Amino acid sequence: MKVLRIYFTTYDEELFSKIYEYLKDFLKGKDIIVHRSIVVPEFRYVEVIDFSDDPISVKDNIEKKFKVKVKIDVIKKVVPSHRDKS
């Protein structure tokens, strides 16, 4: 499963809330998880689960609409099977 991670270079609570709402509308039907750093609680990043769209277009849309720089990563997560192997 592919996961899109969106990291924010600056943190602003109000701006983050607007971007989160925008992502929920833009990526309808996708699970979006917000992670908070343990070391720096103000730092958050967003994960979009089971992502199959173009990550560059999402990045460009956020940067253009909200005038903020973001960094993206697309990673592969392996979901373990819960079947009994005996």
PDB file of N, CA and C in Angstrom:
ATOM      1  N   MET A   1       0.851  -1.165   0.000  1.00  0.00           N
ATOM      2  CA  MET A   1       0.000   0.000   0.000  1.00  0.00           C
ATOM      3  C   MET A   1       0.901   1.233   0.000  1.00  0.00           C
ATOM      4  N   LYS A   2       0.567   2.195  -0.838  1.00  0.00           N
ATOM      5  CA  LYS A   2       1.334   3.443  -0.894  1.00  0.00           C
ATOM      6  C   LYS A   2       0.726   4.471   0.053  1.00  0.00           C
ATOM      7  N   VAL A   3       1.619   5.204   0.708  1.00  0.00           N
ATOM      8  CA  VAL A   3       1.209   6.242   1.651  1.00  0.00           C
ATOM      9  C   VAL A   3       1.915   7.533   1.265  1.00  0.00           C
ATOM     10  N   LEU A   4       1.150   8.609   1.133  1.00  0.00           N
ATOM     11  CA  LEU A   4       1.717   9.928   0.853  1.00  0.00           C
ATOM     12  C   LEU A   4       1.909  10.645   2.179  1.00  0.00           C
ATOM     13  N   ARG A   5       3.123  11.106   2.428  1.00  0.00           N
ATOM     14  CA  ARG A   5       3.402  11.919   3.615  1.00  0.00           C
ATOM     15  C   ARG A   5       3.647  13.347   3.175  1.00  0.00           C
ATOM     16  N   ILE A   6       3.003  14.282   3.859  1.00  0.00           N
ATOM     17  CA  ILE A   6       3.152  15.705   3.563  1.00  0.00           C
ATOM     18  C   ILE A   6       3.711  16.376   4.814  1.00  0.00           C
ATOM     19  N   TYR A   7       4.917  16.928   4.680  1.00  0.00           N
ATOM     20  CA  TYR A   7       5.595  17.610   5.786  1.00  0.00           C
ATOM     21  C   TYR A   7       5.513  19.113   5.557  1.00  0.00           C
ATOM     22  N   PHE A   8       5.282  19.860   6.610  1.00  0.00           N
ATOM     23  CA  PHE A   8       5.170  21.310   6.511  1.00  0.00           C
ATOM     24  C   PHE A   8       6.442  21.961   7.035  1.00  0.00           C
ATOM     25  N   THR A   9       6.976  22.927   6.281  1.00  0.00           N
ATOM     26  CA  THR A   9       8.217  23.586   6.688  1.00  0.00           C
ATOM     27  C   THR A   9       7.974  24.658   7.742  1.00  0.00           C
ATOM     28  N   THR A  10       6.784  25.211   7.776  1.00  0.00           N
ATOM     29  CA  THR A  10       6.426  26.157   8.834  1.00  0.00           C
ATOM     30  C   THR A  10       5.139  25.668   9.468  1.00  0.00           C
ATOM     31  N   TYR A  11       4.968  25.946  10.738  1.00  0.00           N
ATOM     32  CA  TYR A  11       3.774  25.466  11.402  1.00  0.00           C
ATOM     33  C   TYR A  11       2.915  26.632  11.873  1.00  0.00           C
ATOM     34  N   ASP A  12       1.665  26.596  11.488  1.00  0.00           N
ATOM     35  CA  ASP A  12       0.667  27.579  11.892  1.00  0.00           C
ATOM     36  C   ASP A  12      -0.637  26.797  12.072  1.00  0.00           C
ATOM     37  N   GLU A  13      -1.188  26.797  13.281  1.00  0.00           N
ATOM     38  CA  GLU A  13      -2.381  26.000  13.601  1.00  0.00           C
ATOM     39  C   GLU A  13      -3.546  26.292  12.664  1.00  0.00           C
ATOM     40  N   GLU A  14      -3.808  27.569  12.425  1.00  0.00           N
ATOM     41  CA  GLU A  14      -4.934  27.953  11.574  1.00  0.00           C
ATOM     42  C   GLU A  14      -4.718  27.489  10.134  1.00  0.00           C
ATOM     43  N   LEU A  15      -3.520  27.703   9.617  1.00  0.00           N
ATOM     44  CA  LEU A  15      -3.198  27.281   8.257  1.00  0.00           C
ATOM     45  C   LEU A  15      -3.255  25.758   8.135  1.00  0.00           C
ATOM     46  N   PHE A  16      -2.737  25.057   9.133  1.00  0.00           N
ATOM     47  CA  PHE A  16      -2.773  23.601   9.118  1.00  0.00           C
ATOM     48  C   PHE A  16      -4.213  23.095   9.051  1.00  0.00           C
ATOM     49  N   SER A  17      -5.102  23.699   9.814  1.00  0.00           N
ATOM     50  CA  SER A  17      -6.514  23.300   9.810  1.00  0.00           C
ATOM     51  C   SER A  17      -7.142  23.503   8.438  1.00  0.00           C
ATOM     52  N   LYS A  18      -6.815  24.622   7.795  1.00  0.00           N
ATOM     53  CA  LYS A  18      -7.349  24.895   6.456  1.00  0.00           C
ATOM     54  C   LYS A  18      -6.832  23.879   5.439  1.00  0.00           C
ATOM     55  N   ILE A  19      -5.542  23.557   5.530  1.00  0.00           N
ATOM     56  CA  ILE A  19      -4.958  22.585   4.601  1.00  0.00           C
ATOM     57  C   ILE A  19      -5.564  21.202   4.837  1.00  0.00           C
ATOM     58  N   TYR A  20      -5.763  20.840   6.077  1.00  0.00           N
ATOM     59  CA  TYR A  20      -6.369  19.547   6.405  1.00  0.00           C
ATOM     60  C   TYR A  20      -7.779  19.441   5.820  1.00  0.00           C
ATOM     61  N   GLU A  21      -8.578  20.485   5.992  1.00  0.00           N
ATOM     62  CA  GLU A  21      -9.934  20.488   5.427  1.00  0.00           C
ATOM     63  C   GLU A  21      -9.890  20.420   3.900  1.00  0.00           C
ATOM     64  N   TYR A  22      -8.953  21.144   3.303  1.00  0.00           N
ATOM     65  CA  TYR A  22      -8.782  21.110   1.847  1.00  0.00           C
ATOM     66  C   TYR A  22      -8.443  19.692   1.379  1.00  0.00           C
ATOM     67  N   LEU A  23      -7.533  19.023   2.083  1.00  0.00           N
ATOM     68  CA  LEU A  23      -7.153  17.660   1.707  1.00  0.00           C
ATOM     69  C   LEU A  23      -8.329  16.698   1.834  1.00  0.00           C
ATOM     70  N   LYS A  24      -9.148  16.854   2.873  1.00  0.00           N
ATOM     71  CA  LYS A  24     -10.320  15.991   3.029  1.00  0.00           C
ATOM     72  C   LYS A  24     -11.278  16.160   1.856  1.00  0.00           C
ATOM     73  N   ASP A  25     -11.446  17.400   1.382  1.00  0.00           N
ATOM     74  CA  ASP A  25     -12.322  17.644   0.238  1.00  0.00           C
ATOM     75  C   ASP A  25     -11.682  17.196  -1.070  1.00  0.00           C
ATOM     76  N   PHE A  26     -10.390  17.467  -1.238  1.00  0.00           N
ATOM     77  CA  PHE A  26      -9.669  17.181  -2.480  1.00  0.00           C
ATOM     78  C   PHE A  26      -9.473  15.679  -2.687  1.00  0.00           C
ATOM     79  N   LEU A  27      -9.192  14.961  -1.615  1.00  0.00           N
ATOM     80  CA  LEU A  27      -8.920  13.523  -1.691  1.00  0.00           C
ATOM     81  C   LEU A  27     -10.073  12.737  -1.078  1.00  0.00           C
ATOM     82  N   LYS A  28     -11.240  12.917  -1.633  1.00  0.00           N
ATOM     83  CA  LYS A  28     -12.443  12.276  -1.102  1.00  0.00           C
ATOM     84  C   LYS A  28     -12.254  10.762  -0.996  1.00  0.00           C
ATOM     85  N   GLY A  29     -12.661  10.219   0.127  1.00  0.00           N
ATOM     86  CA  GLY A  29     -12.617   8.778   0.316  1.00  0.00           C
ATOM     87  C   GLY A  29     -11.292   8.230   0.804  1.00  0.00           C
ATOM     88  N   LYS A  30     -10.275   9.064   0.918  1.00  0.00           N
ATOM     89  CA  LYS A  30      -8.969   8.607   1.398  1.00  0.00           C
ATOM     90  C   LYS A  30      -8.883   8.823   2.908  1.00  0.00           C
ATOM     91  N   ASP A  31      -8.214   7.914   3.582  1.00  0.00           N
ATOM     92  CA  ASP A  31      -7.964   8.078   5.014  1.00  0.00           C
ATOM     93  C   ASP A  31      -6.787   9.020   5.201  1.00  0.00           C
ATOM     94  N   ILE A  32      -6.974  10.051   6.013  1.00  0.00           N
ATOM     95  CA  ILE A  32      -5.929  11.035   6.284  1.00  0.00           C
ATOM     96  C   ILE A  32      -5.634  11.006   7.781  1.00  0.00           C
ATOM     97  N   ILE A  33      -4.368  10.782   8.114  1.00  0.00           N
ATOM     98  CA  ILE A  33      -3.952  10.688   9.510  1.00  0.00           C
ATOM     99  C   ILE A  33      -2.969  11.815   9.805  1.00  0.00           C
ATOM    100  N   VAL A  34      -3.182  12.498  10.921  1.00  0.00           N
ATOM    101  CA  VAL A  34      -2.284  13.564  11.350  1.00  0.00           C
ATOM    102  C   VAL A  34      -1.359  13.000  12.426  1.00  0.00           C
ATOM    103  N   HIS A  35      -0.055  13.187  12.248  1.00  0.00           N
ATOM    104  CA  HIS A  35       0.939  12.735  13.215  1.00  0.00           C
ATOM    105  C   HIS A  35       1.585  13.952  13.871  1.00  0.00           C
ATOM    106  N   ARG A  36       1.844  13.834  15.150  1.00  0.00           N
ATOM    107  CA  ARG A  36       2.509  14.897  15.904  1.00  0.00           C
ATOM    108  C   ARG A  36       3.856  14.370  16.384  1.00  0.00           C
ATOM    109  N   SER A  37       4.880  15.184  16.216  1.00  0.00           N
ATOM    110  CA  SER A  37       6.222  14.805  16.645  1.00  0.00           C
ATOM    111  C   SER A  37       6.290  14.734  18.165  1.00  0.00           C
ATOM    112  N   ILE A  38       6.971  13.728  18.675  1.00  0.00           N
ATOM    113  CA  ILE A  38       7.167  13.608  20.117  1.00  0.00           C
ATOM    114  C   ILE A  38       8.203  14.625  20.590  1.00  0.00           C
ATOM    115  N   VAL A  39       9.218  14.854  19.779  1.00  0.00           N
ATOM    116  CA  VAL A  39      10.307  15.757  20.146  1.00  0.00           C
ATOM    117  C   VAL A  39       9.868  17.216  20.071  1.00  0.00           C
ATOM    118  N   VAL A  40       9.217  17.584  18.970  1.00  0.00           N
ATOM    119  CA  VAL A  40       8.749  18.960  18.772  1.00  0.00           C
ATOM    120  C   VAL A  40       7.236  18.893  18.541  1.00  0.00           C
ATOM    121  N   PRO A  41       6.422  19.054  19.597  1.00  0.00           N
ATOM    122  CA  PRO A  41       4.974  18.860  19.472  1.00  0.00           C
ATOM    123  C   PRO A  41       4.294  19.772  18.446  1.00  0.00           C
ATOM    124  N   GLU A  42       4.899  20.914  18.137  1.00  0.00           N
ATOM    125  CA  GLU A  42       4.303  21.817  17.157  1.00  0.00           C
ATOM    126  C   GLU A  42       4.426  21.271  15.736  1.00  0.00           C
ATOM    127  N   PHE A  43       5.359  20.354  15.526  1.00  0.00           N
ATOM    128  CA  PHE A  43       5.594  19.817  14.193  1.00  0.00           C
ATOM    129  C   PHE A  43       4.614  18.680  13.926  1.00  0.00           C
ATOM    130  N   ARG A  44       3.896  18.799  12.829  1.00  0.00           N
ATOM    131  CA  ARG A  44       2.958  17.753  12.425  1.00  0.00           C
ATOM    132  C   ARG A  44       3.185  17.415  10.966  1.00  0.00           C
ATOM    133  N   TYR A  45       2.836  16.206  10.627  1.00  0.00           N
ATOM    134  CA  TYR A  45       2.799  15.836   9.220  1.00  0.00           C
ATOM    135  C   TYR A  45       1.559  14.995   8.987  1.00  0.00           C
ATOM    136  N   VAL A  46       1.167  14.916   7.737  1.00  0.00           N
ATOM    137  CA  VAL A  46      -0.068  14.249   7.359  1.00  0.00           C
ATOM    138  C   VAL A  46       0.273  13.030   6.520  1.00  0.00           C
ATOM    139  N   GLU A  47      -0.422  11.930   6.770  1.00  0.00           N
ATOM    140  CA  GLU A  47      -0.305  10.741   5.932  1.00  0.00           C
ATOM    141  C   GLU A  47      -1.634  10.496   5.241  1.00  0.00           C
ATOM    142  N   VAL A  48      -1.575  10.266   3.930  1.00  0.00           N
ATOM    143  CA  VAL A  48      -2.754   9.893   3.155  1.00  0.00           C
ATOM    144  C   VAL A  48      -2.588   8.414   2.824  1.00  0.00           C
ATOM    145  N   ILE A  49      -3.473   7.593   3.363  1.00  0.00           N
ATOM    146  CA  ILE A  49      -3.369   6.142   3.239  1.00  0.00           C
ATOM    147  C   ILE A  49      -3.921   5.688   1.887  1.00  0.00           C
ATOM    148  N   ASP A  50      -3.296   4.659   1.328  1.00  0.00           N
ATOM    149  CA  ASP A  50      -3.702   4.042   0.062  1.00  0.00           C
ATOM    150  C   ASP A  50      -3.771   5.084  -1.053  1.00  0.00           C
ATOM    151  N   PHE A  51      -2.673   5.796  -1.218  1.00  0.00           N
ATOM    152  CA  PHE A  51      -2.587   6.908  -2.164  1.00  0.00           C
ATOM    153  C   PHE A  51      -2.158   6.400  -3.532  1.00  0.00           C
ATOM    154  N   SER A  52      -2.905   6.771  -4.577  1.00  0.00           N
ATOM    155  CA  SER A  52      -2.557   6.318  -5.929  1.00  0.00           C
ATOM    156  C   SER A  52      -2.523   7.462  -6.942  1.00  0.00           C
ATOM    157  N   ASP A  53      -2.796   8.681  -6.516  1.00  0.00           N
ATOM    158  CA  ASP A  53      -2.800   9.832  -7.424  1.00  0.00           C
ATOM    159  C   ASP A  53      -1.382  10.348  -7.639  1.00  0.00           C
ATOM    160  N   ASP A  54      -1.271  11.468  -8.355  1.00  0.00           N
ATOM    161  CA  ASP A  54       0.026  12.087  -8.613  1.00  0.00           C
ATOM    162  C   ASP A  54       0.431  12.937  -7.405  1.00  0.00           C
ATOM    163  N   PRO A  55       1.508  12.576  -6.698  1.00  0.00           N
ATOM    164  CA  PRO A  55       1.902  13.336  -5.502  1.00  0.00           C
ATOM    165  C   PRO A  55       2.365  14.753  -5.815  1.00  0.00           C
ATOM    166  N   ILE A  56       2.972  14.955  -6.977  1.00  0.00           N
ATOM    167  CA  ILE A  56       3.454  16.290  -7.347  1.00  0.00           C
ATOM    168  C   ILE A  56       2.280  17.251  -7.527  1.00  0.00           C
ATOM    169  N   SER A  57       1.180  16.775  -8.085  1.00  0.00           N
ATOM    170  CA  SER A  57       0.021  17.661  -8.264  1.00  0.00           C
ATOM    171  C   SER A  57      -0.574  18.068  -6.917  1.00  0.00           C
ATOM    172  N   VAL A  58      -0.588  17.151  -5.959  1.00  0.00           N
ATOM    173  CA  VAL A  58      -1.085  17.487  -4.621  1.00  0.00           C
ATOM    174  C   VAL A  58      -0.182  18.538  -3.985  1.00  0.00           C
ATOM    175  N   LYS A  59       1.125  18.331  -4.086  1.00  0.00           N
ATOM    176  CA  LYS A  59       2.104  19.288  -3.541  1.00  0.00           C
ATOM    177  C   LYS A  59       1.926  20.661  -4.183  1.00  0.00           C
ATOM    178  N   ASP A  60       1.851  20.693  -5.516  1.00  0.00           N
ATOM    179  CA  ASP A  60       1.697  21.965  -6.229  1.00  0.00           C
ATOM    180  C   ASP A  60       0.402  22.670  -5.855  1.00  0.00           C
ATOM    181  N   ASN A  61      -0.690  21.919  -5.722  1.00  0.00           N
ATOM    182  CA  ASN A  61      -1.971  22.518  -5.345  1.00  0.00           C
ATOM    183  C   ASN A  61      -1.903  23.160  -3.962  1.00  0.00           C
ATOM    184  N   ILE A  62      -1.284  22.478  -3.009  1.00  0.00           N
ATOM    185  CA  ILE A  62      -1.168  23.027  -1.648  1.00  0.00           C
ATOM    186  C   ILE A  62      -0.295  24.275  -1.653  1.00  0.00           C
ATOM    187  N   GLU A  63       0.857  24.204  -2.325  1.00  0.00           N
ATOM    188  CA  GLU A  63       1.773  25.349  -2.341  1.00  0.00           C
ATOM    189  C   GLU A  63       1.161  26.554  -3.043  1.00  0.00           C
ATOM    190  N   LYS A  64       0.427  26.307  -4.116  1.00  0.00           N
ATOM    191  CA  LYS A  64      -0.179  27.406  -4.865  1.00  0.00           C
ATOM    192  C   LYS A  64      -1.349  28.028  -4.094  1.00  0.00           C
ATOM    193  N   LYS A  65      -2.195  27.188  -3.536  1.00  0.00           N
ATOM    194  CA  LYS A  65      -3.401  27.672  -2.866  1.00  0.00           C
ATOM    195  C   LYS A  65      -3.103  28.342  -1.519  1.00  0.00           C
ATOM    196  N   PHE A  66      -2.136  27.803  -0.762  1.00  0.00           N
ATOM    197  CA  PHE A  66      -1.903  28.284   0.598  1.00  0.00           C
ATOM    198  C   PHE A  66      -0.598  29.052   0.774  1.00  0.00           C
ATOM    199  N   LYS A  67       0.185  29.188  -0.291  1.00  0.00           N
ATOM    200  CA  LYS A  67       1.445  29.956  -0.245  1.00  0.00           C
ATOM    201  C   LYS A  67       2.374  29.445   0.859  1.00  0.00           C
ATOM    202  N   VAL A  68       2.545  28.142   0.904  1.00  0.00           N
ATOM    203  CA  VAL A  68       3.399  27.508   1.902  1.00  0.00           C
ATOM    204  C   VAL A  68       4.206  26.412   1.207  1.00  0.00           C
ATOM    205  N   LYS A  69       5.415  26.192   1.679  1.00  0.00           N
ATOM    206  CA  LYS A  69       6.260  25.135   1.123  1.00  0.00           C
ATOM    207  C   LYS A  69       6.002  23.834   1.878  1.00  0.00           C
ATOM    208  N   VAL A  70       5.870  22.758   1.131  1.00  0.00           N
ATOM    209  CA  VAL A  70       5.705  21.445   1.741  1.00  0.00           C
ATOM    210  C   VAL A  70       6.689  20.468   1.109  1.00  0.00           C
ATOM    211  N   LYS A  71       6.998  19.434   1.851  1.00  0.00           N
ATOM    212  CA  LYS A  71       7.842  18.352   1.346  1.00  0.00           C
ATOM    213  C   LYS A  71       6.975  17.102   1.330  1.00  0.00           C
ATOM    214  N   ILE A  72       7.125  16.288   0.291  1.00  0.00           N
ATOM    215  CA  ILE A  72       6.324  15.074   0.200  1.00  0.00           C
ATOM    216  C   ILE A  72       7.213  13.847   0.064  1.00  0.00           C
ATOM    217  N   ASP A  73       6.716  12.751   0.548  1.00  0.00           N
ATOM    218  CA  ASP A  73       7.333  11.438   0.369  1.00  0.00           C
ATOM    219  C   ASP A  73       6.216  10.456   0.067  1.00  0.00           C
ATOM    220  N   VAL A  74       6.484   9.527  -0.826  1.00  0.00           N
ATOM    221  CA  VAL A  74       5.565   8.419  -1.043  1.00  0.00           C
ATOM    222  C   VAL A  74       6.303   7.171  -0.583  1.00  0.00           C
ATOM    223  N   ILE A  75       5.730   6.505   0.389  1.00  0.00           N
ATOM    224  CA  ILE A  75       6.372   5.313   0.935  1.00  0.00           C
ATOM    225  C   ILE A  75       5.449   4.112   0.744  1.00  0.00           C
ATOM    226  N   LYS A  76       6.026   2.940   0.818  1.00  0.00           N
ATOM    227  CA  LYS A  76       5.229   1.713   0.755  1.00  0.00           C
ATOM    228  C   LYS A  76       5.172   1.111   2.147  1.00  0.00           C
ATOM    229  N   LYS A  77       3.964   0.835   2.599  1.00  0.00           N
ATOM    230  CA  LYS A  77       3.775   0.180   3.888  1.00  0.00           C
ATOM    231  C   LYS A  77       3.257  -1.227   3.625  1.00  0.00           C
ATOM    232  N   VAL A  78       3.781  -2.157   4.367  1.00  0.00           N
ATOM    233  CA  VAL A  78       3.321  -3.534   4.265  1.00  0.00           C
ATOM    234  C   VAL A  78       2.363  -3.780   5.421  1.00  0.00           C
ATOM    235  N   VAL A  79       1.157  -4.176   5.077  1.00  0.00           N
ATOM    236  CA  VAL A  79       0.157  -4.469   6.092  1.00  0.00           C
ATOM    237  C   VAL A  79       0.219  -5.967   6.360  1.00  0.00           C
ATOM    238  N   PRO A  80       0.537  -6.356   7.584  1.00  0.00           N
ATOM    239  CA  PRO A  80       0.660  -7.790   7.870  1.00  0.00           C
ATOM    240  C   PRO A  80      -0.679  -8.504   7.788  1.00  0.00           C
ATOM    241  N   SER A  81      -0.611  -9.732   7.359  1.00  0.00           N
ATOM    242  CA  SER A  81      -1.808 -10.555   7.283  1.00  0.00           C
ATOM    243  C   SER A  81      -2.135 -11.082   8.676  1.00  0.00           C
ATOM    244  N   HIS A  82      -3.405 -11.157   8.983  1.00  0.00           N
ATOM    245  CA  HIS A  82      -3.825 -11.655  10.291  1.00  0.00           C
ATOM    246  C   HIS A  82      -4.303 -13.104  10.220  1.00  0.00           C
ATOM    247  N   ARG A  83      -4.060 -13.740   9.091  1.00  0.00           N
ATOM    248  CA  ARG A  83      -4.484 -15.132   8.939  1.00  0.00           C
ATOM    249  C   ARG A  83      -3.586 -16.049   9.761  1.00  0.00           C
ATOM    250  N   ASP A  84      -4.166 -17.108  10.239  1.00  0.00           N
ATOM    251  CA  ASP A  84      -3.411 -18.108  10.982  1.00  0.00           C
ATOM    252  C   ASP A  84      -2.585 -18.923   9.994  1.00  0.00           C
ATOM    253  N   LYS A  85      -1.299 -19.033  10.214  1.00  0.00           N
ATOM    254  CA  LYS A  85      -0.415 -19.710   9.269  1.00  0.00           C
ATOM    255  C   LYS A  85      -0.168 -21.166   9.655  1.00  0.00           C
ATOM    256  N   SER A  86      -0.933 -21.719  10.574  1.00  0.00           N
ATOM    257  CA  SER A  86      -0.700 -23.102  10.984  1.00  0.00           C
ATOM    258  C   SER A  86      -1.400 -24.101  10.094  1.00  0.00           C
TER     259      SER A  86
END
